[in-house]
Amino acid sequence: MTERFDELRERIGVNDRAIVAAVNERLRLVSDLWRLKRELGLETVDHEREQRLREQLAAANDGPLSPEGLDGLVTVLLTLTKRELDAGG
């Protein structure tokens, strides 16, 4: 029983570290995209693109994350991205 407990905790830790790595990579990519948009004279935030992202992720979500949970996650991710990149990107 303790082995299973430790195994699950380790797998959760690996997953959490992968999430952090993925968010950091997303920030790097969006920073590059925003830099390019500025060079082209475009707005950095595209609300239509954000809506399409929500729709695409909703279609890809096979649970157990609820639609409401996914929407909350995307909202946090987009807010975090804007805050991090506006602060120092």
Protein backbone atom coordinates (compact mmCIF):
# COMPACT_ATOMS: atom_id res chain seq x y z
CA MET A 1 0.00 0.00 0.00
CA THR A 2 2.80 2.42 0.88
CA GLU A 3 4.56 1.61 -2.40
CA ARG A 4 1.45 2.50 -4.38
CA PHE A 5 1.06 5.71 -2.37
CA ASP A 6 4.67 6.70 -3.06
CA GLU A 7 4.36 5.75 -6.73
CA LEU A 8 1.26 7.91 -7.18
CA ARG A 9 2.89 10.84 -5.41
CA GLU A 10 5.98 10.53 -7.61
CA ARG A 11 3.89 10.39 -10.78
CA ILE A 12 1.94 13.46 -9.63
CA GLY A 13 5.24 15.27 -9.02
CA VAL A 14 6.51 14.34 -12.48
CA ASN A 15 3.25 15.58 -13.97
CA ASP A 16 3.40 18.84 -12.01
CA ARG A 17 6.95 19.49 -13.20
CA ALA A 18 5.85 18.80 -16.78
CA ILE A 19 3.03 21.34 -16.37
CA VAL A 20 5.51 23.99 -15.17
CA ALA A 21 7.83 23.20 -18.09
CA ALA A 22 4.92 23.44 -20.55
CA VAL A 23 3.78 26.79 -19.13
CA ASN A 24 7.33 28.15 -19.34
CA GLU A 25 7.60 27.00 -22.96
CA ARG A 26 4.22 28.62 -23.70
CA LEU A 27 5.48 31.88 -22.21
CA ARG A 28 8.61 31.76 -24.39
CA LEU A 29 6.57 31.09 -27.52
CA VAL A 30 3.99 33.79 -26.80
CA SER A 31 6.78 36.25 -26.02
CA ASP A 32 8.30 35.53 -29.44
CA LEU A 33 4.88 35.88 -31.08
CA TRP A 34 4.19 39.18 -29.33
CA ARG A 35 7.60 40.51 -30.37
CA LEU A 36 6.80 39.64 -33.99
CA LYS A 37 3.33 41.19 -33.73
CA ARG A 38 4.83 44.42 -32.39
CA GLU A 39 7.30 44.50 -35.30
CA LEU A 40 4.35 44.13 -37.67
CA GLY A 41 2.31 46.77 -35.86
CA LEU A 42 -0.33 44.31 -34.67
CA GLU A 43 -2.14 44.13 -31.34
CA THR A 44 -0.61 41.53 -29.05
CA VAL A 45 -3.93 40.22 -27.74
CA ASP A 46 -6.37 38.66 -30.19
CA HIS A 47 -9.72 38.01 -28.51
CA GLU A 48 -11.02 35.99 -31.47
CA ARG A 49 -7.95 33.75 -31.27
CA GLU A 50 -8.52 33.30 -27.54
CA GLN A 51 -12.08 32.17 -28.25
CA ARG A 52 -10.89 29.71 -30.88
CA LEU A 53 -8.33 28.38 -28.39
CA ARG A 54 -11.10 27.80 -25.85
CA GLU A 55 -13.19 25.97 -28.46
CA GLN A 56 -10.26 23.82 -29.61
CA LEU A 57 -9.31 22.85 -26.07
CA ALA A 58 -12.94 22.09 -25.21
CA ALA A 59 -13.12 19.77 -28.21
CA ALA A 60 -9.85 18.07 -27.18
CA ASN A 61 -10.84 17.62 -23.52
CA ASP A 62 -11.83 14.02 -22.84
CA GLY A 63 -12.08 14.43 -19.06
CA PRO A 64 -12.20 14.00 -16.22
CA LEU A 65 -11.69 17.78 -16.33
CA SER A 66 -15.17 19.33 -16.52
CA PRO A 67 -16.02 21.97 -19.13
CA GLU A 68 -16.21 24.51 -16.31
CA GLY A 69 -12.86 23.39 -14.96
CA LEU A 70 -11.29 23.65 -18.41
CA ASP A 71 -12.71 27.13 -18.88
CA GLY A 72 -11.25 28.17 -15.52
CA LEU A 73 -7.88 26.66 -16.41
CA VAL A 74 -7.75 28.47 -19.76
CA THR A 75 -8.77 31.74 -18.09
CA VAL A 76 -5.97 31.37 -15.54
CA LEU A 77 -3.47 30.44 -18.26
CA LEU A 78 -4.36 33.42 -20.45
CA THR A 79 -4.36 35.82 -17.49
CA LEU A 80 -1.03 34.45 -16.27
CA THR A 81 0.50 34.76 -19.74
CA LYS A 82 -0.58 38.39 -20.10
CA ARG A 83 0.59 39.27 -16.59
CA GLU A 84 3.98 37.56 -16.94
CA LEU A 85 4.72 39.01 -20.36
CA ASP A 86 3.45 42.50 -19.60
CA ALA A 87 5.62 42.48 -16.47
CA GLY A 88 8.88 41.53 -18.07
CA GLY A 89 8.50 39.73 -21.38
